[in-house]
Amino acid sequence: MNILKLPIPLIHSKDFPIIQYADDTLIIMEGDARQLIVLKSLPNSFADSVGLKVNYSKSCMTPINIPEDKFDRLALTFGCAKGSMPFTYLGLPMGLTKPKVIDFLPLMKRCEKRLAATSMFLSQAGRLELVNSVLTSQTSFVMSTFYLHKTVVKQLDGYRKHCFWRGADLNDKKPPKIA
């Protein structure tokens, strides 16, 4: 019925910009109240047909170039929380500009916490498995979307080396077992 319109008209594709992973969905659309009401009616119709209830309080609306008063009305219409840029989606920093080193701080803190919490209980082989399966996979997930700054790569690599050779104590200054 052409009620929902693309935020930026595309000649080569009529697909609507939706990013979805499991139960997390990111919908990019115009800041128009009429379109928002139509969008809200879609999950409501589905919920009515299967007997479920939609919890809009778990949703978040993030504006891009929308005045604050209009944004307030749109969030009230949809019945969701108001967000702001930058935000995280699936642990990745989302924003309008290229991520800076500080935007990757949560990734570095997550790796540091995992290191400190588990590696003290592990043998050398267990720490190798931790480095290969957890710390490397978290970093690879982020690197599949973003180019990481050299500073971030150096810090994460330092965590990986420290975990493997020295264990959980991040302040441990004794030399590694192998030079």
Foldseek 3Di string as FASTA:
>chain_A
DPQFQEQDDDDVDRDFDWDDDDHDIDGDGDLDQSNLVVVLVVVVVVCVVVVHDDDQQVPEDEDDPDDPVSQVVNCVSSVYHYDYPFDDDPNATDHDDADDLVSCVVLLVVLLVVQQPPLVPDDLVVLVCCLVPPLVVSVVVRVVPHDHDPVNVVSSVVSSVCCNFPGNPPPDDDDGPPD
